[in-house]
N, C-alpha and C. Protein backbone atom coordinates (compact mmCIF):
# COMPACT_ATOMS: atom_id res chain seq x y z
N ARG A 1 0.80 -1.21 0.00
CA ARG A 1 0.00 0.00 0.00
C ARG A 1 0.84 1.26 0.00
N VAL A 2 2.07 1.16 0.43
CA VAL A 2 2.92 2.35 0.52
C VAL A 2 3.06 3.01 -0.85
N ILE A 3 3.27 2.20 -1.88
CA ILE A 3 3.45 2.76 -3.22
C ILE A 3 2.18 3.51 -3.64
N GLU A 4 1.04 2.90 -3.41
CA GLU A 4 -0.21 3.52 -3.80
C GLU A 4 -0.53 4.76 -2.97
N GLU A 5 -0.24 4.72 -1.67
CA GLU A 5 -0.61 5.82 -0.78
C GLU A 5 0.39 6.96 -0.75
N ALA A 6 1.68 6.67 -0.88
CA ALA A 6 2.70 7.71 -0.76
C ALA A 6 3.36 8.03 -2.10
N GLY A 7 3.13 7.22 -3.12
CA GLY A 7 3.79 7.40 -4.41
C GLY A 7 3.14 8.48 -5.23
N PRO A 8 3.53 8.63 -6.45
CA PRO A 8 4.47 7.76 -7.17
C PRO A 8 5.92 8.04 -6.77
N PHE A 9 6.76 7.04 -6.96
CA PHE A 9 8.18 7.13 -6.68
C PHE A 9 8.96 6.95 -7.97
N ASP A 10 10.01 7.71 -8.12
CA ASP A 10 10.91 7.47 -9.25
C ASP A 10 11.69 6.19 -9.02
N ALA A 11 12.13 5.98 -7.78
CA ALA A 11 12.93 4.80 -7.46
C ALA A 11 12.66 4.35 -6.04
N ILE A 12 12.89 3.07 -5.82
CA ILE A 12 12.76 2.48 -4.49
C ILE A 12 13.98 1.61 -4.25
N VAL A 13 14.56 1.73 -3.06
CA VAL A 13 15.65 0.87 -2.62
C VAL A 13 15.10 0.04 -1.47
N ALA A 14 15.18 -1.28 -1.59
CA ALA A 14 14.60 -2.17 -0.57
C ALA A 14 15.58 -3.29 -0.25
N HIS A 15 15.53 -3.74 1.00
CA HIS A 15 16.44 -4.77 1.47
C HIS A 15 15.68 -5.97 2.03
N SER A 16 16.09 -7.17 1.68
CA SER A 16 15.62 -8.42 2.26
C SER A 16 14.09 -8.55 2.18
N LEU A 17 13.42 -8.56 3.31
CA LEU A 17 11.96 -8.69 3.31
C LEU A 17 11.32 -7.55 2.52
N GLY A 18 11.86 -6.35 2.63
CA GLY A 18 11.34 -5.22 1.85
C GLY A 18 11.51 -5.45 0.36
N ALA A 19 12.63 -6.04 -0.04
CA ALA A 19 12.86 -6.35 -1.45
C ALA A 19 11.86 -7.40 -1.93
N LEU A 20 11.60 -8.39 -1.09
CA LEU A 20 10.61 -9.42 -1.45
C LEU A 20 9.21 -8.80 -1.58
N ALA A 21 8.85 -7.94 -0.63
CA ALA A 21 7.55 -7.28 -0.69
C ALA A 21 7.43 -6.44 -1.96
N LEU A 22 8.50 -5.77 -2.32
CA LEU A 22 8.46 -4.95 -3.55
C LEU A 22 8.31 -5.83 -4.78
N THR A 23 9.00 -6.96 -4.85
CA THR A 23 8.83 -7.84 -6.02
C THR A 23 7.39 -8.34 -6.12
N GLN A 24 6.76 -8.57 -4.97
CA GLN A 24 5.35 -8.98 -4.99
C GLN A 24 4.49 -7.91 -5.64
N ARG A 25 4.68 -6.67 -5.23
CA ARG A 25 3.88 -5.57 -5.77
C ARG A 25 4.19 -5.33 -7.24
N LEU A 26 5.47 -5.34 -7.60
CA LEU A 26 5.83 -5.11 -9.00
C LEU A 26 5.34 -6.24 -9.90
N GLY A 27 5.35 -7.46 -9.40
CA GLY A 27 4.85 -8.60 -10.16
C GLY A 27 3.35 -8.58 -10.34
N GLU A 28 2.68 -7.87 -9.45
CA GLU A 28 1.22 -7.70 -9.57
C GLU A 28 0.88 -6.49 -10.42
N VAL A 29 1.86 -5.92 -11.08
CA VAL A 29 1.72 -4.76 -11.95
C VAL A 29 1.06 -3.61 -11.21
N VAL A 30 1.72 -3.20 -10.13
CA VAL A 30 1.25 -2.09 -9.32
C VAL A 30 1.33 -0.80 -10.14
N SER A 31 0.36 0.06 -9.91
CA SER A 31 0.36 1.34 -10.60
C SER A 31 0.17 2.44 -9.57
N PRO A 32 0.97 3.44 -9.58
CA PRO A 32 2.09 3.66 -10.50
C PRO A 32 3.33 2.93 -10.03
N ALA A 33 4.00 2.29 -10.94
CA ALA A 33 5.23 1.57 -10.62
C ALA A 33 6.39 2.54 -10.58
N PRO A 34 7.37 2.28 -9.73
CA PRO A 34 8.57 3.12 -9.76
C PRO A 34 9.29 2.94 -11.09
N ARG A 35 10.06 3.93 -11.47
CA ARG A 35 10.80 3.86 -12.73
C ARG A 35 12.04 3.00 -12.61
N ALA A 36 12.49 2.73 -11.39
CA ALA A 36 13.66 1.89 -11.16
C ALA A 36 13.63 1.42 -9.71
N ALA A 37 14.34 0.32 -9.44
CA ALA A 37 14.43 -0.17 -8.06
C ALA A 37 15.75 -0.88 -7.86
N VAL A 38 16.24 -0.77 -6.62
CA VAL A 38 17.44 -1.49 -6.20
C VAL A 38 17.00 -2.46 -5.11
N LEU A 39 17.29 -3.74 -5.32
CA LEU A 39 16.88 -4.79 -4.38
C LEU A 39 18.13 -5.41 -3.78
N ALA A 40 18.28 -5.29 -2.46
CA ALA A 40 19.45 -5.82 -1.78
C ALA A 40 19.07 -7.07 -1.00
N SER A 41 19.88 -8.11 -1.14
CA SER A 41 19.69 -9.37 -0.40
C SER A 41 18.30 -9.95 -0.58
N LEU A 42 17.84 -10.02 -1.82
CA LEU A 42 16.50 -10.51 -2.13
C LEU A 42 16.37 -12.00 -1.83
N PRO A 43 15.44 -12.39 -0.94
CA PRO A 43 15.22 -13.82 -0.67
C PRO A 43 14.27 -14.43 -1.71
N PRO A 44 14.27 -15.75 -1.81
CA PRO A 44 13.40 -16.39 -2.80
C PRO A 44 11.92 -16.33 -2.44
N ASP A 45 11.61 -16.46 -1.15
CA ASP A 45 10.21 -16.42 -0.73
C ASP A 45 10.11 -16.17 0.76
N LEU A 46 8.92 -15.85 1.20
CA LEU A 46 8.70 -15.53 2.61
C LEU A 46 8.82 -16.77 3.49
N GLY A 47 8.48 -17.93 2.97
CA GLY A 47 8.63 -19.17 3.74
C GLY A 47 10.09 -19.40 4.10
N TYR A 48 10.98 -19.12 3.16
CA TYR A 48 12.41 -19.25 3.41
C TYR A 48 12.84 -18.31 4.54
N LEU A 49 12.41 -17.06 4.48
CA LEU A 49 12.76 -16.10 5.53
C LEU A 49 12.17 -16.50 6.87
N LEU A 50 10.93 -16.94 6.86
CA LEU A 50 10.28 -17.36 8.10
C LEU A 50 11.02 -18.55 8.72
N ASP A 51 11.40 -19.51 7.90
CA ASP A 51 12.16 -20.66 8.40
C ASP A 51 13.51 -20.24 8.95
N SER A 52 14.17 -19.29 8.29
CA SER A 52 15.46 -18.79 8.78
C SER A 52 15.30 -18.13 10.15
N PHE A 53 14.24 -17.35 10.30
CA PHE A 53 13.96 -16.69 11.57
C PHE A 53 13.64 -17.71 12.66
N LEU A 54 12.83 -18.69 12.33
CA LEU A 54 12.47 -19.73 13.31
C LEU A 54 13.70 -20.53 13.72
N GLN A 55 14.60 -20.74 12.80
CA GLN A 55 15.84 -21.45 13.12
C GLN A 55 16.68 -20.64 14.11
N LEU A 56 16.71 -19.34 13.93
CA LEU A 56 17.43 -18.47 14.88
C LEU A 56 16.81 -18.54 16.27
N LEU A 57 15.49 -18.68 16.33
CA LEU A 57 14.81 -18.78 17.62
C LEU A 57 15.06 -20.12 18.30
N GLY A 58 15.44 -21.11 17.53
CA GLY A 58 15.74 -22.42 18.10
C GLY A 58 14.54 -23.30 18.34
N GLY A 59 13.42 -22.99 17.71
CA GLY A 59 12.22 -23.81 17.89
C GLY A 59 12.34 -25.15 17.18
N ASP A 60 11.56 -26.11 17.63
CA ASP A 60 11.57 -27.42 16.98
C ASP A 60 10.62 -27.43 15.78
N GLU A 61 10.53 -28.58 15.12
CA GLU A 61 9.70 -28.70 13.92
C GLU A 61 8.22 -28.49 14.22
N ALA A 62 7.76 -28.93 15.38
CA ALA A 62 6.35 -28.75 15.75
C ALA A 62 6.03 -27.26 15.91
N PHE A 63 6.94 -26.52 16.53
CA PHE A 63 6.76 -25.08 16.68
C PHE A 63 6.70 -24.41 15.31
N ALA A 64 7.63 -24.77 14.42
CA ALA A 64 7.65 -24.20 13.08
C ALA A 64 6.36 -24.51 12.33
N ALA A 65 5.86 -25.72 12.47
CA ALA A 65 4.61 -26.10 11.81
C ALA A 65 3.44 -25.25 12.32
N ARG A 66 3.41 -24.99 13.63
CA ARG A 66 2.35 -24.15 14.20
C ARG A 66 2.45 -22.72 13.68
N VAL A 67 3.66 -22.20 13.60
CA VAL A 67 3.84 -20.83 13.09
C VAL A 67 3.38 -20.75 11.63
N HIS A 68 3.77 -21.71 10.83
CA HIS A 68 3.35 -21.72 9.42
C HIS A 68 1.83 -21.86 9.30
N ALA A 69 1.23 -22.69 10.12
CA ALA A 69 -0.22 -22.85 10.09
C ALA A 69 -0.92 -21.55 10.47
N ARG A 70 -0.41 -20.86 11.48
CA ARG A 70 -1.00 -19.57 11.89
C ARG A 70 -0.83 -18.52 10.80
N PHE A 71 0.32 -18.54 10.14
CA PHE A 71 0.54 -17.60 9.04
C PHE A 71 -0.49 -17.84 7.94
N THR A 72 -0.66 -19.10 7.56
CA THR A 72 -1.60 -19.45 6.50
C THR A 72 -3.03 -19.06 6.90
N ALA A 73 -3.40 -19.31 8.14
CA ALA A 73 -4.73 -18.94 8.61
C ALA A 73 -4.92 -17.42 8.57
N ARG A 74 -3.89 -16.69 8.94
CA ARG A 74 -3.99 -15.23 9.01
C ARG A 74 -4.03 -14.59 7.62
N PHE A 75 -3.20 -15.09 6.69
CA PHE A 75 -3.06 -14.45 5.39
C PHE A 75 -3.73 -15.21 4.25
N GLY A 76 -4.31 -16.37 4.53
CA GLY A 76 -5.06 -17.10 3.52
C GLY A 76 -4.22 -17.88 2.52
N ARG A 77 -2.93 -17.90 2.72
CA ARG A 77 -2.05 -18.68 1.85
C ARG A 77 -0.72 -18.87 2.58
N PRO A 78 0.01 -19.93 2.22
CA PRO A 78 1.27 -20.20 2.92
C PRO A 78 2.33 -19.14 2.64
N ALA A 79 3.25 -18.99 3.58
CA ALA A 79 4.33 -18.02 3.43
C ALA A 79 5.14 -18.27 2.17
N SER A 80 5.33 -19.53 1.81
CA SER A 80 6.13 -19.85 0.62
C SER A 80 5.48 -19.36 -0.67
N SER A 81 4.19 -19.05 -0.65
CA SER A 81 3.53 -18.56 -1.87
C SER A 81 3.84 -17.09 -2.14
N PHE A 82 4.42 -16.41 -1.17
CA PHE A 82 4.89 -15.04 -1.39
C PHE A 82 6.32 -15.15 -1.90
N ASP A 83 6.46 -15.38 -3.21
CA ASP A 83 7.79 -15.67 -3.74
C ASP A 83 8.17 -14.70 -4.84
N SER A 84 9.46 -14.54 -5.02
CA SER A 84 9.97 -13.63 -6.04
C SER A 84 10.17 -14.33 -7.38
N LEU A 85 10.44 -15.62 -7.37
CA LEU A 85 10.76 -16.32 -8.61
C LEU A 85 9.60 -16.42 -9.59
N SER A 86 8.41 -16.74 -9.10
CA SER A 86 7.28 -16.94 -10.02
C SER A 86 6.82 -15.63 -10.66
N LEU A 87 7.03 -14.51 -9.98
CA LEU A 87 6.60 -13.23 -10.51
C LEU A 87 7.67 -12.52 -11.33
N ALA A 88 8.90 -13.00 -11.27
CA ALA A 88 10.02 -12.33 -11.91
C ALA A 88 9.78 -11.97 -13.38
N PRO A 89 9.30 -12.88 -14.22
CA PRO A 89 9.14 -12.53 -15.63
C PRO A 89 8.14 -11.40 -15.90
N GLN A 90 7.26 -11.14 -14.94
CA GLN A 90 6.24 -10.10 -15.12
C GLN A 90 6.72 -8.72 -14.70
N ILE A 91 7.88 -8.63 -14.06
CA ILE A 91 8.36 -7.35 -13.55
C ILE A 91 9.10 -6.60 -14.65
N THR A 92 8.53 -5.47 -15.05
CA THR A 92 9.10 -4.69 -16.15
C THR A 92 9.94 -3.51 -15.66
N THR A 93 9.90 -3.22 -14.39
CA THR A 93 10.70 -2.13 -13.83
C THR A 93 12.19 -2.48 -13.91
N PRO A 94 13.03 -1.57 -14.37
CA PRO A 94 14.47 -1.84 -14.35
C PRO A 94 14.96 -2.03 -12.90
N LEU A 95 15.75 -3.09 -12.69
CA LEU A 95 16.19 -3.45 -11.35
C LEU A 95 17.70 -3.64 -11.30
N LEU A 96 18.26 -3.26 -10.16
CA LEU A 96 19.62 -3.65 -9.82
C LEU A 96 19.53 -4.49 -8.57
N LEU A 97 20.04 -5.71 -8.64
CA LEU A 97 20.10 -6.57 -7.46
C LEU A 97 21.49 -6.46 -6.87
N LEU A 98 21.55 -6.19 -5.57
CA LEU A 98 22.80 -6.17 -4.82
C LEU A 98 22.80 -7.40 -3.92
N HIS A 99 23.89 -8.13 -3.92
CA HIS A 99 23.95 -9.31 -3.07
C HIS A 99 25.40 -9.58 -2.68
N ASP A 100 25.59 -10.03 -1.46
CA ASP A 100 26.93 -10.35 -0.99
C ASP A 100 27.17 -11.85 -1.09
N ARG A 101 28.33 -12.22 -1.56
CA ARG A 101 28.67 -13.64 -1.68
C ARG A 101 28.70 -14.36 -0.33
N ASP A 102 28.91 -13.59 0.75
CA ASP A 102 28.98 -14.16 2.09
C ASP A 102 27.69 -13.94 2.88
N ASP A 103 26.58 -13.69 2.21
CA ASP A 103 25.30 -13.49 2.89
C ASP A 103 24.94 -14.77 3.64
N ASP A 104 24.80 -14.68 4.96
CA ASP A 104 24.51 -15.85 5.78
C ASP A 104 23.01 -16.07 5.98
N ILE A 105 22.19 -15.20 5.46
CA ILE A 105 20.73 -15.35 5.58
C ILE A 105 20.15 -15.79 4.23
N THR A 106 20.50 -15.08 3.18
CA THR A 106 20.00 -15.39 1.84
C THR A 106 21.20 -15.68 0.94
N PRO A 107 21.48 -16.94 0.68
CA PRO A 107 22.65 -17.28 -0.13
C PRO A 107 22.62 -16.62 -1.51
N VAL A 108 23.80 -16.31 -2.01
CA VAL A 108 23.95 -15.63 -3.29
C VAL A 108 23.31 -16.43 -4.43
N ALA A 109 23.18 -17.72 -4.27
CA ALA A 109 22.56 -18.55 -5.32
C ALA A 109 21.15 -18.08 -5.65
N HIS A 110 20.45 -17.51 -4.67
CA HIS A 110 19.11 -17.00 -4.95
C HIS A 110 19.16 -15.84 -5.93
N ALA A 111 20.10 -14.92 -5.73
CA ALA A 111 20.24 -13.78 -6.64
C ALA A 111 20.67 -14.25 -8.03
N GLU A 112 21.58 -15.20 -8.07
CA GLU A 112 22.06 -15.72 -9.35
C GLU A 112 20.95 -16.46 -10.09
N ARG A 113 20.03 -17.04 -9.36
CA ARG A 113 18.92 -17.77 -9.99
C ARG A 113 17.85 -16.83 -10.53
N ILE A 114 17.52 -15.76 -9.79
CA ILE A 114 16.42 -14.90 -10.21
C ILE A 114 16.82 -13.86 -11.25
N THR A 115 18.06 -13.40 -11.22
CA THR A 115 18.46 -12.31 -12.13
C THR A 115 18.14 -12.61 -13.59
N PRO A 116 18.45 -13.80 -14.12
CA PRO A 116 18.12 -14.06 -15.53
C PRO A 116 16.62 -14.12 -15.81
N LEU A 117 15.81 -14.31 -14.78
CA LEU A 117 14.36 -14.38 -14.97
C LEU A 117 13.72 -13.00 -15.05
N LEU A 118 14.43 -11.99 -14.59
CA LEU A 118 13.92 -10.62 -14.59
C LEU A 118 14.26 -9.97 -15.92
N PRO A 119 13.26 -9.45 -16.64
CA PRO A 119 13.50 -8.91 -17.98
C PRO A 119 14.50 -7.74 -18.04
N HIS A 120 14.56 -6.93 -16.99
CA HIS A 120 15.40 -5.73 -17.01
C HIS A 120 16.19 -5.65 -15.71
N ALA A 121 17.10 -6.59 -15.50
CA ALA A 121 17.82 -6.62 -14.23
C ALA A 121 19.31 -6.86 -14.44
N ALA A 122 20.08 -6.33 -13.50
CA ALA A 122 21.51 -6.58 -13.43
C ALA A 122 21.84 -6.96 -12.00
N LEU A 123 22.92 -7.70 -11.83
CA LEU A 123 23.34 -8.17 -10.51
C LEU A 123 24.71 -7.60 -10.19
N PHE A 124 24.83 -7.00 -9.01
CA PHE A 124 26.11 -6.49 -8.52
C PHE A 124 26.44 -7.27 -7.25
N LEU A 125 27.58 -7.96 -7.26
CA LEU A 125 27.99 -8.78 -6.13
C LEU A 125 29.09 -8.13 -5.33
N THR A 126 29.00 -8.30 -4.01
CA THR A 126 30.05 -7.85 -3.10
C THR A 126 30.61 -9.08 -2.40
N GLN A 127 31.66 -8.89 -1.65
CA GLN A 127 32.29 -10.00 -0.91
C GLN A 127 32.67 -9.51 0.48
N GLY A 128 32.27 -10.28 1.50
CA GLY A 128 32.71 -10.01 2.86
C GLY A 128 31.85 -9.07 3.68
N PHE A 129 30.66 -8.73 3.18
CA PHE A 129 29.80 -7.79 3.91
C PHE A 129 28.58 -8.45 4.54
N GLY A 130 28.28 -9.68 4.18
CA GLY A 130 27.16 -10.39 4.77
C GLY A 130 25.81 -9.88 4.29
N HIS A 131 24.78 -10.19 5.07
CA HIS A 131 23.40 -9.90 4.68
C HIS A 131 23.09 -8.40 4.68
N SER A 132 23.49 -7.71 5.69
CA SER A 132 23.16 -6.28 5.80
C SER A 132 24.33 -5.36 5.54
N GLY A 133 25.53 -5.84 5.69
CA GLY A 133 26.70 -4.99 5.54
C GLY A 133 26.90 -4.44 4.15
N LEU A 134 26.38 -5.10 3.12
CA LEU A 134 26.59 -4.62 1.77
C LEU A 134 26.00 -3.23 1.57
N LEU A 135 25.05 -2.84 2.39
CA LEU A 135 24.46 -1.51 2.28
C LEU A 135 25.41 -0.43 2.78
N ARG A 136 26.50 -0.85 3.44
CA ARG A 136 27.52 0.10 3.89
C ARG A 136 28.78 0.04 3.02
N ASP A 137 28.75 -0.78 2.00
CA ASP A 137 29.89 -0.91 1.10
C ASP A 137 29.88 0.23 0.08
N PRO A 138 30.92 1.06 0.04
CA PRO A 138 30.94 2.18 -0.91
C PRO A 138 30.77 1.74 -2.37
N ALA A 139 31.33 0.59 -2.73
CA ALA A 139 31.19 0.12 -4.11
C ALA A 139 29.73 -0.24 -4.43
N ALA A 140 29.04 -0.88 -3.48
CA ALA A 140 27.63 -1.23 -3.70
C ALA A 140 26.76 0.02 -3.76
N VAL A 141 27.01 0.96 -2.86
CA VAL A 141 26.26 2.22 -2.88
C VAL A 141 26.53 2.96 -4.18
N GLY A 142 27.79 2.97 -4.61
CA GLY A 142 28.14 3.60 -5.88
C GLY A 142 27.45 2.93 -7.07
N ALA A 143 27.39 1.60 -7.04
CA ALA A 143 26.70 0.87 -8.11
C ALA A 143 25.22 1.22 -8.13
N ALA A 144 24.61 1.31 -6.95
CA ALA A 144 23.19 1.66 -6.87
C ALA A 144 22.95 3.07 -7.40
N LEU A 145 23.77 4.02 -6.96
CA LEU A 145 23.61 5.40 -7.44
C LEU A 145 23.86 5.50 -8.94
N GLY A 146 24.88 4.81 -9.43
CA GLY A 146 25.15 4.81 -10.86
C GLY A 146 24.00 4.22 -11.66
N PHE A 147 23.43 3.12 -11.15
CA PHE A 147 22.28 2.51 -11.81
C PHE A 147 21.09 3.48 -11.85
N LEU A 148 20.81 4.11 -10.71
CA LEU A 148 19.68 5.04 -10.66
C LEU A 148 19.91 6.25 -11.57
N GLU A 149 21.12 6.79 -11.56
CA GLU A 149 21.42 7.92 -12.44
C GLU A 149 21.30 7.51 -13.90
N GLY A 150 21.80 6.33 -14.24
CA GLY A 150 21.72 5.86 -15.61
C GLY A 150 20.31 5.58 -16.06
N THR A 151 19.49 5.10 -15.15
CA THR A 151 18.10 4.76 -15.49
C THR A 151 17.20 5.98 -15.48
N LEU A 152 17.40 6.86 -14.50
CA LEU A 152 16.50 8.00 -14.31
C LEU A 152 17.04 9.31 -14.87
N GLY A 153 18.33 9.36 -15.11
CA GLY A 153 18.93 10.60 -15.56
C GLY A 153 19.47 11.43 -14.41
N SER A 154 19.01 11.17 -13.21
CA SER A 154 19.52 11.81 -11.99
C SER A 154 19.04 11.00 -10.81
N VAL A 155 19.64 11.23 -9.67
CA VAL A 155 19.21 10.52 -8.47
C VAL A 155 18.01 11.26 -7.90
N PRO A 156 16.90 10.57 -7.64
CA PRO A 156 15.70 11.23 -7.12
C PRO A 156 15.94 11.81 -5.73
N VAL A 157 15.28 12.94 -5.46
CA VAL A 157 15.44 13.57 -4.15
C VAL A 157 14.20 13.41 -3.27
N ARG A 158 13.06 13.13 -3.86
CA ARG A 158 11.84 12.93 -3.07
C ARG A 158 11.90 11.57 -2.42
N HIS A 159 11.56 11.49 -1.15
CA HIS A 159 11.58 10.21 -0.48
C HIS A 159 10.52 10.18 0.60
N ALA A 160 10.17 8.99 0.98
CA ALA A 160 9.22 8.78 2.08
C ALA A 160 9.85 7.80 3.03
N ARG A 161 9.66 8.02 4.29
CA ARG A 161 10.17 7.08 5.30
C ARG A 161 9.02 6.24 5.80
N VAL A 162 9.20 4.96 5.76
CA VAL A 162 8.17 4.03 6.20
C VAL A 162 8.65 3.40 7.50
N THR A 163 7.93 3.62 8.58
CA THR A 163 8.37 3.05 9.83
C THR A 163 7.78 1.67 10.07
N ASP A 164 6.59 1.41 9.56
CA ASP A 164 5.97 0.10 9.71
C ASP A 164 5.07 -0.18 8.54
N PRO A 165 5.61 -0.83 7.47
CA PRO A 165 4.80 -1.07 6.28
C PRO A 165 3.65 -2.03 6.51
N LEU A 166 3.62 -2.74 7.63
CA LEU A 166 2.53 -3.69 7.89
C LEU A 166 1.48 -3.12 8.85
N ALA A 167 1.53 -1.82 9.10
CA ALA A 167 0.66 -1.20 10.10
C ALA A 167 -0.82 -1.20 9.73
N HIS A 168 -1.15 -1.42 8.47
CA HIS A 168 -2.56 -1.32 8.06
C HIS A 168 -3.28 -2.63 8.23
């Protein structure tokens, strides 16, 4: 809803779960779509992220099954159905994917798998920054800014801060 309520946006930069949420919206042909987007540490689907989080909590398989069942009951479909791969061919927005080879949450193989499925995407890889550190890498930031300048003609200055995209 953020795009519809606060947009239009020239560009959006999103990380991890935010990147997955954006691919969902772009794959659903949201209007108005941003003219460009940078997706950092894009996971394959929400089920993968949920399982990673549950593993960090140390719950057993029964606990994970209950969490997944509650998710499905709440949202009407399983977490794994919120995926980036199946919608990739429908996304026409130019994208730059940023991913670190040492990402311990979302392996780089996910980025390497989805990039060819996206009609207008490029992949920029970093090394040694992990899941969130790549956003502090000057080369990755430079690649993102260069991509946005090349796609938009300049870096957009209008922005919105979202403190809780799930608040509605």
